[in-house]
Amino acid sequence: MDVWVADLDAAGWRHGELLSDEERARAERFARERDGRRWARARGALRALLGEYLRSDGRALRFATGAHGKPELVGDREGLCFNLAHSGGFAVYAVAGGRPVGVDVEVVGRRIDVLAMAERAFGAATARRLSALDGGAREREFLREWVRYEAALKCLGTGLGGGDGDAGGERPWVAELDLGRWAASAAAAVATMGEPAELSCWEWPA
């Protein structure tokens, strides 16, 4: 399984020509130009990246969306599975053959009620554990818990509140990702069904 990290605000992005007309229109509908630019770059990089794996033109790729918003490739694509997430100026992609994957990244941003969200998502015990931490440590630990939770749900193809990650008794294998080099204030995790023989992390563009 490969994981790729992309800085969406870095100079030199050239993947805009890979976008479909629908994707370009969606990028233009964002209220803030920066958000639309980041979304377009994240989507263009996805097309370029999958095109490299499939040895095909990224412009020719077609996507479908699952019941809970998880994207997937349309047609016979050699069993390639992928997932992506972006937050702030960073995007993370997970790519694997023949096994579902999920990935999540969160960059510290607006202030949130960490304890209330933790109790709703993870239960009272986790909320009590977080309450014993000071503010900065509490937020970082919450983000770690959150990205693991989200990555597992995305791997299973369920939405928020989609249960405790159980899939017929099998739970996803989850690993945290250290993005310190790219984003010291970010947390990220990747999930798949069964521990992969190898997990490699790369920076995009390579």
C-alpha atoms as a PDB file:
ATOM      1  CA  MET A   1       0.000   0.000   0.000  1.00  0.00           C
ATOM      2  CA  ASP A   2       1.258   3.463  -0.932  1.00  0.00           C
ATOM      3  CA  VAL A   3       0.421   6.732   0.777  1.00  0.00           C
ATOM      4  CA  TRP A   4       1.097  10.056  -0.935  1.00  0.00           C
ATOM      5  CA  VAL A   5       1.150  13.497   0.703  1.00  0.00           C
ATOM      6  CA  ALA A   6       0.691  16.660  -1.370  1.00  0.00           C
ATOM      7  CA  ASP A   7       1.169  20.311  -0.424  1.00  0.00           C
ATOM      8  CA  LEU A   8      -1.683  21.979  -2.289  1.00  0.00           C
ATOM      9  CA  ASP A   9      -0.246  25.473  -1.823  1.00  0.00           C
ATOM     10  CA  ALA A  10       3.192  24.701  -3.251  1.00  0.00           C
ATOM     11  CA  ALA A  11       4.226  26.309  -6.524  1.00  0.00           C
ATOM     12  CA  GLY A  12       4.428  24.451  -9.818  1.00  0.00           C
ATOM     13  CA  TRP A  13       1.103  22.592  -9.960  1.00  0.00           C
ATOM     14  CA  ARG A  14       0.174  21.596 -13.529  1.00  0.00           C
ATOM     15  CA  HIS A  15      -2.688  19.105 -13.250  1.00  0.00           C
ATOM     16  CA  GLY A  16      -5.572  21.447 -14.041  1.00  0.00           C
ATOM     17  CA  GLU A  17      -5.796  20.221 -17.624  1.00  0.00           C
ATOM     18  CA  LEU A  18      -6.713  16.749 -16.350  1.00  0.00           C
ATOM     19  CA  LEU A  19      -9.992  17.884 -14.771  1.00  0.00           C
ATOM     20  CA  SER A  20     -13.350  17.190 -16.323  1.00  0.00           C
ATOM     21  CA  ASP A  21     -15.713  20.041 -17.171  1.00  0.00           C
ATOM     22  CA  GLU A  22     -17.842  19.066 -14.170  1.00  0.00           C
ATOM     23  CA  GLU A  23     -14.823  19.215 -11.852  1.00  0.00           C
ATOM     24  CA  ARG A  24     -13.805  22.630 -13.168  1.00  0.00           C
ATOM     25  CA  ALA A  25     -17.322  23.918 -12.632  1.00  0.00           C
ATOM     26  CA  ARG A  26     -17.386  22.592  -9.086  1.00  0.00           C
ATOM     27  CA  ALA A  27     -14.051  24.254  -8.287  1.00  0.00           C
ATOM     28  CA  GLU A  28     -15.411  27.567  -9.521  1.00  0.00           C
ATOM     29  CA  ARG A  29     -18.459  27.315  -7.245  1.00  0.00           C
ATOM     30  CA  PHE A  30     -16.426  27.543  -4.042  1.00  0.00           C
ATOM     31  CA  ALA A  31     -17.108  30.769  -2.160  1.00  0.00           C
ATOM     32  CA  ARG A  32     -13.388  31.356  -1.568  1.00  0.00           C
ATOM     33  CA  GLU A  33     -11.009  31.223  -4.520  1.00  0.00           C
ATOM     34  CA  ARG A  34      -8.296  29.557  -2.426  1.00  0.00           C
ATOM     35  CA  ASP A  35     -10.610  26.704  -1.439  1.00  0.00           C
ATOM     36  CA  GLY A  36     -11.590  26.119  -5.049  1.00  0.00           C
ATOM     37  CA  ARG A  37      -7.946  26.139  -6.126  1.00  0.00           C
ATOM     38  CA  ARG A  38      -7.013  23.611  -3.448  1.00  0.00           C
ATOM     39  CA  TRP A  39      -9.917  21.340  -4.356  1.00  0.00           C
ATOM     40  CA  ALA A  40      -8.994  21.466  -8.046  1.00  0.00           C
ATOM     41  CA  ARG A  41      -5.354  20.707  -7.303  1.00  0.00           C
ATOM     42  CA  ALA A  42      -6.292  17.783  -5.047  1.00  0.00           C
ATOM     43  CA  ARG A  43      -8.551  16.356  -7.748  1.00  0.00           C
ATOM     44  CA  GLY A  44      -6.030  16.952 -10.510  1.00  0.00           C
ATOM     45  CA  ALA A  45      -3.313  15.231  -8.497  1.00  0.00           C
ATOM     46  CA  LEU A  46      -5.646  12.270  -7.946  1.00  0.00           C
ATOM     47  CA  ARG A  47      -6.125  11.893 -11.686  1.00  0.00           C
ATOM     48  CA  ALA A  48      -2.399  12.217 -12.362  1.00  0.00           C
ATOM     49  CA  LEU A  49      -1.505   9.767  -9.616  1.00  0.00           C
ATOM     50  CA  LEU A  50      -4.011   7.087 -10.622  1.00  0.00           C
ATOM     51  CA  GLY A  51      -3.024   7.581 -14.241  1.00  0.00           C
ATOM     52  CA  GLU A  52       0.561   6.703 -13.313  1.00  0.00           C
ATOM     53  CA  TYR A  53      -0.535   3.506 -11.573  1.00  0.00           C
ATOM     54  CA  LEU A  54      -2.801   2.468 -14.427  1.00  0.00           C
ATOM     55  CA  ARG A  55      -0.455   3.640 -17.195  1.00  0.00           C
ATOM     56  CA  SER A  56      -3.295   5.641 -18.704  1.00  0.00           C
ATOM     57  CA  ASP A  57      -4.345   9.216 -19.375  1.00  0.00           C
ATOM     58  CA  GLY A  58      -5.727  10.724 -16.171  1.00  0.00           C
ATOM     59  CA  ARG A  59      -8.254  12.695 -18.237  1.00  0.00           C
ATOM     60  CA  ALA A  60      -9.916   9.434 -19.317  1.00  0.00           C
ATOM     61  CA  LEU A  61     -10.627   8.221 -15.784  1.00  0.00           C
ATOM     62  CA  ARG A  62     -14.250   8.155 -14.683  1.00  0.00           C
ATOM     63  CA  PHE A  63     -15.407   8.143 -11.069  1.00  0.00           C
ATOM     64  CA  ALA A  64     -18.523   7.025  -9.247  1.00  0.00           C
ATOM     65  CA  THR A  65     -19.557   7.903  -5.707  1.00  0.00           C
ATOM     66  CA  GLY A  66     -20.727   5.400  -3.115  1.00  0.00           C
ATOM     67  CA  ALA A  67     -23.718   5.803  -0.827  1.00  0.00           C
ATOM     68  CA  HIS A  68     -21.638   7.704   1.723  1.00  0.00           C
ATOM     69  CA  GLY A  69     -19.568   9.736  -0.706  1.00  0.00           C
ATOM     70  CA  LYS A  70     -16.568   7.431  -1.158  1.00  0.00           C
ATOM     71  CA  PRO A  71     -15.180   7.799  -4.695  1.00  0.00           C
ATOM     72  CA  GLU A  72     -14.266   4.800  -6.814  1.00  0.00           C
ATOM     73  CA  LEU A  73     -13.086   4.176 -10.346  1.00  0.00           C
ATOM     74  CA  VAL A  74     -15.594   3.128 -13.002  1.00  0.00           C
ATOM     75  CA  GLY A  75     -14.793   0.138 -15.204  1.00  0.00           C
ATOM     76  CA  ASP A  76     -12.102  -2.531 -15.076  1.00  0.00           C
ATOM     77  CA  ARG A  77      -9.219  -0.793 -13.348  1.00  0.00           C
ATOM     78  CA  GLU A  78      -6.999  -3.747 -12.440  1.00  0.00           C
ATOM     79  CA  GLY A  79      -8.423  -4.017  -8.929  1.00  0.00           C
ATOM     80  CA  LEU A  80      -6.872  -0.694  -7.906  1.00  0.00           C
ATOM     81  CA  CYS A  81      -8.416   0.807  -4.760  1.00  0.00           C
ATOM     82  CA  PHE A  82      -7.826   4.328  -3.532  1.00  0.00           C
ATOM     83  CA  ASN A  83      -9.021   6.991  -1.144  1.00  0.00           C
ATOM     84  CA  LEU A  84      -8.177  10.630  -0.560  1.00  0.00           C
ATOM     85  CA  ALA A  85      -8.644  13.337   2.022  1.00  0.00           C
ATOM     86  CA  HIS A  86      -7.632  16.964   2.206  1.00  0.00           C
ATOM     87  CA  SER A  87      -7.645  19.553   4.953  1.00  0.00           C
ATOM     88  CA  GLY A  88      -6.250  23.045   4.815  1.00  0.00           C
ATOM     89  CA  GLY A  89      -3.412  23.043   2.322  1.00  0.00           C
ATOM     90  CA  PHE A  90      -2.665  19.322   2.416  1.00  0.00           C
ATOM     91  CA  ALA A  91      -4.016  16.256   0.635  1.00  0.00           C
ATOM     92  CA  VAL A  92      -3.314  12.609   1.438  1.00  0.00           C
ATOM     93  CA  TYR A  93      -3.925   9.694  -0.940  1.00  0.00           C
ATOM     94  CA  ALA A  94      -3.897   5.954  -0.228  1.00  0.00           C
ATOM     95  CA  VAL A  95      -3.528   3.446  -3.085  1.00  0.00           C
ATOM     96  CA  ALA A  96      -3.653  -0.345  -2.820  1.00  0.00           C
ATOM     97  CA  GLY A  97      -4.346  -3.340  -5.017  1.00  0.00           C
ATOM     98  CA  GLY A  98      -7.339  -5.555  -4.297  1.00  0.00           C
ATOM     99  CA  ARG A  99      -8.244  -4.232  -0.842  1.00  0.00           C
ATOM    100  CA  PRO A 100     -10.401  -1.289   0.265  1.00  0.00           C
ATOM    101  CA  VAL A 101      -8.570   1.628   1.821  1.00  0.00           C
ATOM    102  CA  GLY A 102      -9.492   4.738   3.755  1.00  0.00           C
ATOM    103  CA  VAL A 103      -7.435   7.778   4.671  1.00  0.00           C
ATOM    104  CA  ASP A 104      -8.065  10.962   6.622  1.00  0.00           C
ATOM    105  CA  VAL A 105      -6.111  14.117   7.424  1.00  0.00           C
ATOM    106  CA  GLU A 106      -7.048  17.009   9.661  1.00  0.00           C
ATOM    107  CA  VAL A 107      -5.147  20.277  10.070  1.00  0.00           C
ATOM    108  CA  VAL A 108      -5.701  22.236  13.255  1.00  0.00           C
ATOM    109  CA  GLY A 109      -8.033  25.078  12.349  1.00  0.00           C
ATOM    110  CA  ARG A 110     -11.155  26.523  13.904  1.00  0.00           C
ATOM    111  CA  ARG A 111     -11.807  26.010  17.587  1.00  0.00           C
ATOM    112  CA  ILE A 112     -14.194  23.166  18.390  1.00  0.00           C
ATOM    113  CA  ASP A 113     -15.701  21.666  21.522  1.00  0.00           C
ATOM    114  CA  VAL A 114     -13.297  18.727  21.646  1.00  0.00           C
ATOM    115  CA  LEU A 115     -14.829  16.995  24.654  1.00  0.00           C
ATOM    116  CA  ALA A 116     -18.393  17.168  23.351  1.00  0.00           C
ATOM    117  CA  MET A 117     -17.359  15.790  19.952  1.00  0.00           C
ATOM    118  CA  ALA A 118     -15.232  13.083  21.570  1.00  0.00           C
ATOM    119  CA  GLU A 119     -18.115  11.895  23.747  1.00  0.00           C
ATOM    120  CA  ARG A 120     -20.502  11.742  20.777  1.00  0.00           C
ATOM    121  CA  ALA A 121     -18.032   9.935  18.498  1.00  0.00           C
ATOM    122  CA  PHE A 122     -15.973   7.792  20.870  1.00  0.00           C
ATOM    123  CA  GLY A 123     -17.874   7.567  24.146  1.00  0.00           C
ATOM    124  CA  ALA A 124     -17.590   8.858  27.682  1.00  0.00           C
ATOM    125  CA  ALA A 125     -14.386   6.993  28.545  1.00  0.00           C
ATOM    126  CA  THR A 126     -12.404   8.668  25.760  1.00  0.00           C
ATOM    127  CA  ALA A 127     -13.875  12.059  26.653  1.00  0.00           C
ATOM    128  CA  ARG A 128     -12.789  11.619  30.283  1.00  0.00           C
ATOM    129  CA  ARG A 129      -9.270  10.672  29.174  1.00  0.00           C
ATOM    130  CA  LEU A 130      -9.046  13.752  26.968  1.00  0.00           C
ATOM    131  CA  SER A 131     -10.364  15.992  29.742  1.00  0.00           C
ATOM    132  CA  ALA A 132      -7.267  15.169  31.822  1.00  0.00           C
ATOM    133  CA  LEU A 133      -5.003  16.742  29.162  1.00  0.00           C
ATOM    134  CA  ASP A 134      -4.218  20.424  28.785  1.00  0.00           C
ATOM    135  CA  GLY A 135      -5.698  22.369  25.883  1.00  0.00           C
ATOM    136  CA  GLY A 136      -3.025  21.861  23.215  1.00  0.00           C
ATOM    137  CA  ALA A 137      -2.380  18.221  24.052  1.00  0.00           C
ATOM    138  CA  ARG A 138      -6.126  17.553  24.234  1.00  0.00           C
ATOM    139  CA  GLU A 139      -6.697  18.916  20.733  1.00  0.00           C
ATOM    140  CA  ARG A 140      -3.792  16.955  19.247  1.00  0.00           C
ATOM    141  CA  GLU A 141      -4.940  13.712  20.883  1.00  0.00           C
ATOM    142  CA  PHE A 142      -8.501  14.296  19.719  1.00  0.00           C
ATOM    143  CA  LEU A 143      -7.300  14.784  16.145  1.00  0.00           C
ATOM    144  CA  ARG A 144      -5.336  11.513  16.362  1.00  0.00           C
ATOM    145  CA  GLU A 145      -8.452   9.684  17.530  1.00  0.00           C
ATOM    146  CA  TRP A 146     -10.599  11.387  14.911  1.00  0.00           C
ATOM    147  CA  VAL A 147      -8.447  10.590  11.860  1.00  0.00           C
ATOM    148  CA  ARG A 148      -8.174   6.939  12.915  1.00  0.00           C
ATOM    149  CA  TYR A 149     -11.955   6.783  13.276  1.00  0.00           C
ATOM    150  CA  GLU A 150     -12.589   8.502   9.938  1.00  0.00           C
ATOM    151  CA  ALA A 151     -10.022   6.424   8.052  1.00  0.00           C
ATOM    152  CA  ALA A 152     -11.633   3.212   9.314  1.00  0.00           C
ATOM    153  CA  LEU A 153     -15.138   4.356   8.333  1.00  0.00           C
ATOM    154  CA  LYS A 154     -13.926   5.422   4.888  1.00  0.00           C
ATOM    155  CA  CYS A 155     -12.235   2.063   4.427  1.00  0.00           C
ATOM    156  CA  LEU A 156     -15.558   0.353   5.178  1.00  0.00           C
ATOM    157  CA  GLY A 157     -17.443   2.798   2.977  1.00  0.00           C
ATOM    158  CA  THR A 158     -19.754   3.976   5.755  1.00  0.00           C
ATOM    159  CA  GLY A 159     -20.556   7.499   6.882  1.00  0.00           C
ATOM    160  CA  LEU A 160     -20.136   9.108  10.258  1.00  0.00           C
ATOM    161  CA  GLY A 161     -22.052   7.166  12.850  1.00  0.00           C
ATOM    162  CA  GLY A 162     -21.598   4.043  10.747  1.00  0.00           C
ATOM    163  CA  GLY A 163     -20.956   1.899  13.782  1.00  0.00           C
ATOM    164  CA  ASP A 164     -17.739   0.938  15.530  1.00  0.00           C
ATOM    165  CA  GLY A 165     -15.929  -0.159  12.370  1.00  0.00           C
ATOM    166  CA  ASP A 166     -17.244  -3.696  12.492  1.00  0.00           C
ATOM    167  CA  ALA A 167     -17.589  -5.480   9.125  1.00  0.00           C
ATOM    168  CA  GLY A 168     -18.827  -8.997   9.748  1.00  0.00           C
ATOM    169  CA  GLY A 169     -16.475  -9.281  12.729  1.00  0.00           C
ATOM    170  CA  GLU A 170     -13.438  -7.922  10.877  1.00  0.00           C
ATOM    171  CA  ARG A 171     -12.097  -4.511  11.759  1.00  0.00           C
ATOM    172  CA  PRO A 172      -9.824  -2.434   9.543  1.00  0.00           C
ATOM    173  CA  TRP A 173      -6.110  -2.296  10.235  1.00  0.00           C
ATOM    174  CA  VAL A 174      -5.282   1.341  11.039  1.00  0.00           C
ATOM    175  CA  ALA A 175      -1.941   3.159  11.092  1.00  0.00           C
ATOM    176  CA  GLU A 176      -1.191   6.733  12.049  1.00  0.00           C
ATOM    177  CA  LEU A 177       0.846   8.804   9.598  1.00  0.00           C
ATOM    178  CA  ASP A 178       3.524  11.230  10.742  1.00  0.00           C
ATOM    179  CA  LEU A 179       3.202  14.358   8.610  1.00  0.00           C
ATOM    180  CA  GLY A 180       5.673  16.375  10.681  1.00  0.00           C
ATOM    181  CA  ARG A 181       7.839  17.135   7.695  1.00  0.00           C
ATOM    182  CA  TRP A 182       4.892  18.573   5.795  1.00  0.00           C
ATOM    183  CA  ALA A 183       2.434  19.711   8.456  1.00  0.00           C
ATOM    184  CA  ALA A 184       3.450  19.840  12.104  1.00  0.00           C
ATOM    185  CA  SER A 185      -0.105  20.821  13.084  1.00  0.00           C
ATOM    186  CA  ALA A 186      -1.800  17.956  11.214  1.00  0.00           C
ATOM    187  CA  ALA A 187      -2.869  14.436  12.077  1.00  0.00           C
ATOM    188  CA  ALA A 188      -3.465  11.671   9.551  1.00  0.00           C
ATOM    189  CA  ALA A 189      -4.231   7.948   9.439  1.00  0.00           C
ATOM    190  CA  VAL A 190      -4.746   5.215   6.870  1.00  0.00           C
ATOM    191  CA  ALA A 191      -6.875   2.065   7.131  1.00  0.00           C
ATOM    192  CA  THR A 192      -7.277  -1.122   5.115  1.00  0.00           C
ATOM    193  CA  MET A 193      -8.690  -4.599   5.561  1.00  0.00           C
ATOM    194  CA  GLY A 194      -5.813  -6.726   6.807  1.00  0.00           C
ATOM    195  CA  GLU A 195      -2.317  -5.509   7.576  1.00  0.00           C
ATOM    196  CA  PRO A 196      -0.405  -4.811   4.354  1.00  0.00           C
ATOM    197  CA  ALA A 197       2.923  -6.494   3.720  1.00  0.00           C
ATOM    198  CA  GLU A 198       4.440  -3.054   3.169  1.00  0.00           C
ATOM    199  CA  LEU A 199       3.339   0.536   3.672  1.00  0.00           C
ATOM    200  CA  SER A 200       5.302   3.173   1.774  1.00  0.00           C
ATOM    201  CA  CYS A 201       4.904   6.931   2.162  1.00  0.00           C
ATOM    202  CA  TRP A 202       5.773   9.362  -0.622  1.00  0.00           C
ATOM    203  CA  GLU A 203       5.560  13.050  -1.424  1.00  0.00           C
ATOM    204  CA  TRP A 204       3.618  14.179  -4.505  1.00  0.00           C
ATOM    205  CA  PRO A 205       4.921  15.179  -6.960  1.00  0.00           C
ATOM    206  CA  ALA A 206       7.541  12.500  -6.502  1.00  0.00           C
END
